[in-house]
N, C-alpha and C. Protein backbone atom coordinates (compact mmCIF):
# COMPACT_ATOMS: atom_id res chain seq x y z
N MET A 1 61.20 405.92 69.60
CA MET A 1 62.27 405.84 70.59
C MET A 1 61.70 406.25 71.94
N GLU A 2 61.93 405.42 72.93
CA GLU A 2 61.51 405.74 74.28
C GLU A 2 62.46 406.76 74.88
N LYS A 3 61.91 407.81 75.44
CA LYS A 3 62.74 408.86 76.03
C LYS A 3 63.30 408.40 77.37
N SER A 4 64.60 408.62 77.56
CA SER A 4 65.25 408.36 78.84
C SER A 4 66.52 409.21 78.90
N CYS A 5 67.08 409.34 80.07
CA CYS A 5 68.34 410.09 80.18
C CYS A 5 69.42 409.42 79.34
N ASP A 6 69.42 408.09 79.29
CA ASP A 6 70.45 407.35 78.55
C ASP A 6 70.50 407.72 77.07
N ASN A 7 69.38 408.13 76.49
CA ASN A 7 69.40 408.48 75.07
C ASN A 7 69.12 409.96 74.84
N CYS A 8 69.40 410.76 75.86
CA CYS A 8 69.26 412.22 75.75
C CYS A 8 70.60 412.83 75.33
N PHE A 9 70.53 413.85 74.51
CA PHE A 9 71.71 414.54 74.01
C PHE A 9 72.58 415.08 75.14
N TYR A 10 71.95 415.52 76.22
CA TYR A 10 72.68 416.17 77.31
C TYR A 10 73.29 415.21 78.33
N PHE A 11 72.93 413.94 78.26
CA PHE A 11 73.40 412.97 79.25
C PHE A 11 74.77 412.44 78.88
N HIS A 12 75.68 412.44 79.84
CA HIS A 12 77.03 411.91 79.65
C HIS A 12 77.21 410.73 80.59
N GLN A 13 77.34 409.56 80.00
CA GLN A 13 77.46 408.32 80.76
C GLN A 13 78.84 408.24 81.42
N HIS A 14 78.88 407.72 82.63
CA HIS A 14 80.15 407.50 83.33
C HIS A 14 80.60 406.06 83.12
N PHE A 15 81.91 405.87 83.05
CA PHE A 15 82.50 404.56 82.84
C PHE A 15 83.56 404.32 83.90
N HIS A 16 83.91 403.07 84.04
CA HIS A 16 84.96 402.64 84.96
C HIS A 16 85.96 401.82 84.14
N ILE A 17 87.23 402.00 84.39
CA ILE A 17 88.24 401.19 83.72
C ILE A 17 88.63 400.07 84.68
N ASN A 18 88.38 398.81 84.24
CA ASN A 18 88.70 397.69 85.13
C ASN A 18 90.21 397.41 85.11
N LYS A 19 90.64 396.41 85.89
CA LYS A 19 92.07 396.14 86.02
C LYS A 19 92.71 395.67 84.72
N ASN A 20 91.90 395.24 83.75
CA ASN A 20 92.41 394.83 82.44
C ASN A 20 92.41 395.97 81.43
N GLY A 21 92.02 397.16 81.88
CA GLY A 21 92.01 398.32 81.00
C GLY A 21 90.76 398.45 80.15
N LYS A 22 89.74 397.63 80.44
CA LYS A 22 88.50 397.67 79.65
C LYS A 22 87.52 398.67 80.25
N LEU A 23 86.87 399.46 79.39
CA LEU A 23 85.86 400.41 79.85
C LEU A 23 84.58 399.67 80.21
N ILE A 24 84.09 399.90 81.41
CA ILE A 24 82.86 399.27 81.88
C ILE A 24 81.82 400.37 82.09
N HIS A 25 80.67 400.20 81.47
CA HIS A 25 79.55 401.12 81.58
C HIS A 25 78.96 401.00 82.99
N ILE A 26 78.86 402.11 83.71
CA ILE A 26 78.27 402.10 85.04
C ILE A 26 76.81 402.48 84.88
N TRP A 27 75.95 401.49 84.98
CA TRP A 27 74.53 401.71 84.72
C TRP A 27 73.96 402.75 85.68
N GLY A 28 73.23 403.70 85.12
CA GLY A 28 72.56 404.70 85.92
C GLY A 28 73.46 405.79 86.47
N ASP A 29 74.73 405.77 86.08
CA ASP A 29 75.64 406.79 86.60
C ASP A 29 76.10 407.67 85.45
N GLY A 30 75.88 408.94 85.59
CA GLY A 30 76.27 409.90 84.58
C GLY A 30 75.87 411.29 85.04
N HIS A 31 75.98 412.24 84.15
CA HIS A 31 75.57 413.59 84.51
C HIS A 31 74.94 414.28 83.32
N CYS A 32 74.18 415.32 83.61
CA CYS A 32 73.49 416.10 82.60
C CYS A 32 74.27 417.37 82.35
N SER A 33 74.48 417.70 81.08
CA SER A 33 75.25 418.90 80.75
C SER A 33 74.36 420.08 80.37
N ASN A 34 73.06 419.94 80.54
CA ASN A 34 72.16 421.04 80.22
C ASN A 34 72.27 422.10 81.31
N ASP A 35 72.72 423.29 80.95
CA ASP A 35 72.95 424.34 81.95
C ASP A 35 71.65 425.00 82.42
N LYS A 36 70.50 424.56 81.90
CA LYS A 36 69.21 425.09 82.37
C LYS A 36 68.74 424.37 83.63
N LEU A 37 69.44 423.29 83.99
CA LEU A 37 69.11 422.54 85.20
C LEU A 37 70.25 422.66 86.20
N THR A 38 69.90 422.77 87.47
CA THR A 38 70.94 422.75 88.49
C THR A 38 71.45 421.32 88.64
N VAL A 39 72.60 421.17 89.22
CA VAL A 39 73.17 419.84 89.45
C VAL A 39 72.22 419.03 90.33
N PHE A 40 71.68 419.65 91.35
CA PHE A 40 70.77 418.96 92.26
C PHE A 40 69.55 418.43 91.52
N VAL A 41 68.93 419.26 90.72
CA VAL A 41 67.72 418.85 89.98
C VAL A 41 68.05 417.78 88.95
N SER A 42 69.14 417.94 88.22
CA SER A 42 69.48 416.95 87.19
C SER A 42 69.81 415.59 87.82
N ARG A 43 70.51 415.57 88.95
CA ARG A 43 70.82 414.30 89.61
C ARG A 43 69.55 413.62 90.09
N LYS A 44 68.61 414.42 90.58
CA LYS A 44 67.32 413.89 91.04
C LYS A 44 66.55 413.26 89.87
N ILE A 45 66.54 413.93 88.73
CA ILE A 45 65.86 413.42 87.54
C ILE A 45 66.50 412.13 87.07
N ILE A 46 67.83 412.11 87.01
CA ILE A 46 68.56 410.92 86.56
C ILE A 46 68.32 409.76 87.52
N PHE A 47 68.42 410.01 88.81
CA PHE A 47 68.26 408.95 89.81
C PHE A 47 66.86 408.35 89.76
N LYS A 48 65.85 409.20 89.62
CA LYS A 48 64.47 408.71 89.59
C LYS A 48 64.03 408.27 88.20
N GLN A 49 64.93 408.44 87.22
CA GLN A 49 64.68 408.08 85.83
C GLN A 49 63.44 408.78 85.27
N HIS A 50 63.28 410.04 85.62
CA HIS A 50 62.22 410.87 85.06
C HIS A 50 62.75 411.52 83.79
N ILE A 51 61.86 412.02 82.98
CA ILE A 51 62.25 412.73 81.77
C ILE A 51 61.91 414.21 81.96
N CYS A 52 62.88 415.07 81.75
CA CYS A 52 62.64 416.50 81.91
C CYS A 52 62.19 417.11 80.59
N GLU A 53 61.78 418.36 80.65
CA GLU A 53 61.28 419.05 79.45
C GLU A 53 62.38 419.42 78.46
N PHE A 54 63.64 419.24 78.84
CA PHE A 54 64.75 419.61 77.97
C PHE A 54 65.31 418.43 77.18
N TRP A 55 64.68 417.25 77.29
CA TRP A 55 65.16 416.06 76.60
C TRP A 55 65.27 416.30 75.10
N GLU A 56 66.38 415.90 74.52
CA GLU A 56 66.59 415.96 73.07
C GLU A 56 67.21 414.63 72.64
N PRO A 57 66.87 414.15 71.45
CA PRO A 57 67.47 412.89 70.99
C PRO A 57 68.97 413.05 70.79
N ASN A 58 69.70 411.98 71.01
CA ASN A 58 71.16 412.05 70.91
C ASN A 58 71.68 411.57 69.57
N GLU A 59 70.90 411.71 68.52
CA GLU A 59 71.27 411.22 67.19
C GLU A 59 72.58 411.80 66.69
N ASN A 60 72.81 413.07 66.91
CA ASN A 60 74.01 413.73 66.40
C ASN A 60 75.14 413.76 67.42
N LYS A 61 74.91 413.18 68.59
CA LYS A 61 75.88 413.26 69.66
C LYS A 61 77.20 412.57 69.30
N GLU A 62 77.11 411.41 68.67
CA GLU A 62 78.33 410.65 68.33
C GLU A 62 79.22 411.44 67.38
N ALA A 63 78.62 412.03 66.34
CA ALA A 63 79.40 412.81 65.37
C ALA A 63 80.02 414.04 66.05
N GLU A 64 79.25 414.70 66.89
CA GLU A 64 79.76 415.88 67.60
C GLU A 64 80.89 415.49 68.55
N ARG A 65 80.73 414.36 69.24
CA ARG A 65 81.76 413.91 70.17
C ARG A 65 83.06 413.59 69.43
N ARG A 66 82.96 412.91 68.29
CA ARG A 66 84.16 412.59 67.50
C ARG A 66 84.85 413.87 67.02
N GLU A 67 84.05 414.84 66.59
CA GLU A 67 84.60 416.11 66.13
C GLU A 67 85.34 416.81 67.27
N ASN A 68 84.75 416.81 68.46
CA ASN A 68 85.39 417.44 69.62
C ASN A 68 86.68 416.72 70.01
N ILE A 69 86.67 415.39 69.96
CA ILE A 69 87.86 414.62 70.28
C ILE A 69 88.98 414.92 69.30
N CYS A 70 88.64 415.00 68.01
CA CYS A 70 89.65 415.31 66.99
C CYS A 70 90.26 416.69 67.24
N LYS A 71 89.43 417.65 67.63
CA LYS A 71 89.93 419.00 67.91
C LYS A 71 90.87 418.98 69.12
N VAL A 72 90.49 418.28 70.17
CA VAL A 72 91.33 418.19 71.38
C VAL A 72 92.67 417.54 71.05
N ILE A 73 92.64 416.47 70.27
CA ILE A 73 93.89 415.78 69.91
C ILE A 73 94.76 416.69 69.06
N SER A 74 94.16 417.43 68.14
CA SER A 74 94.90 418.37 67.30
C SER A 74 95.56 419.45 68.16
N ASP A 75 94.80 419.98 69.13
CA ASP A 75 95.35 421.00 70.03
C ASP A 75 96.49 420.43 70.87
N MET A 76 96.34 419.17 71.32
CA MET A 76 97.40 418.53 72.10
C MET A 76 98.66 418.38 71.26
N LYS A 77 98.50 418.00 69.98
CA LYS A 77 99.64 417.85 69.09
C LYS A 77 100.39 419.17 68.95
N LYS A 78 99.65 420.27 68.79
CA LYS A 78 100.28 421.58 68.67
C LYS A 78 101.10 421.90 69.92
N ARG A 79 100.52 421.63 71.09
CA ARG A 79 101.23 421.90 72.34
C ARG A 79 102.48 421.03 72.47
N LEU A 80 102.35 419.76 72.10
CA LEU A 80 103.51 418.86 72.17
C LEU A 80 104.61 419.31 71.20
N ASP A 81 104.22 419.75 70.00
CA ASP A 81 105.21 420.26 69.04
C ASP A 81 105.93 421.48 69.61
N GLU A 82 105.19 422.34 70.31
CA GLU A 82 105.80 423.52 70.93
C GLU A 82 106.78 423.09 72.04
N LEU A 83 106.39 422.09 72.81
CA LEU A 83 107.28 421.59 73.87
C LEU A 83 108.56 420.99 73.29
N VAL A 84 108.43 420.27 72.20
CA VAL A 84 109.60 419.69 71.56
C VAL A 84 110.56 420.79 71.12
N LEU A 85 110.04 421.87 70.56
CA LEU A 85 110.88 422.98 70.16
C LEU A 85 111.60 423.62 71.35
N VAL A 86 110.89 423.77 72.45
CA VAL A 86 111.48 424.34 73.65
C VAL A 86 112.59 423.44 74.18
N LEU A 87 112.34 422.14 74.19
CA LEU A 87 113.33 421.18 74.71
C LEU A 87 114.55 421.11 73.80
N LYS A 88 114.37 421.29 72.51
CA LYS A 88 115.49 421.26 71.57
C LYS A 88 116.40 422.47 71.78
N GLU A 89 115.82 423.59 72.20
CA GLU A 89 116.60 424.82 72.42
C GLU A 89 117.49 424.70 73.64
N ASP A 90 117.12 423.86 74.59
CA ASP A 90 117.91 423.72 75.84
C ASP A 90 119.10 422.90 75.61
């Protein structure tokens, strides 16, 4: 596997939603979530397409992302259930 920001665990790709509601991948636009790099340094690395010493393969990223999304949705459901109870009391 060729190393690049696009396939690094820490890289988060940015998307655009077009007028039809479709997600469009914005090539070369994203951010690095590695807290060992400053925003300035990480943007410079991404823009110049260099590879930093913190690169890690993103093999487990999809599973972790799905797990995080499920947790967020579950938390949202709990909050909505609480709101429904409050609204029923009024």
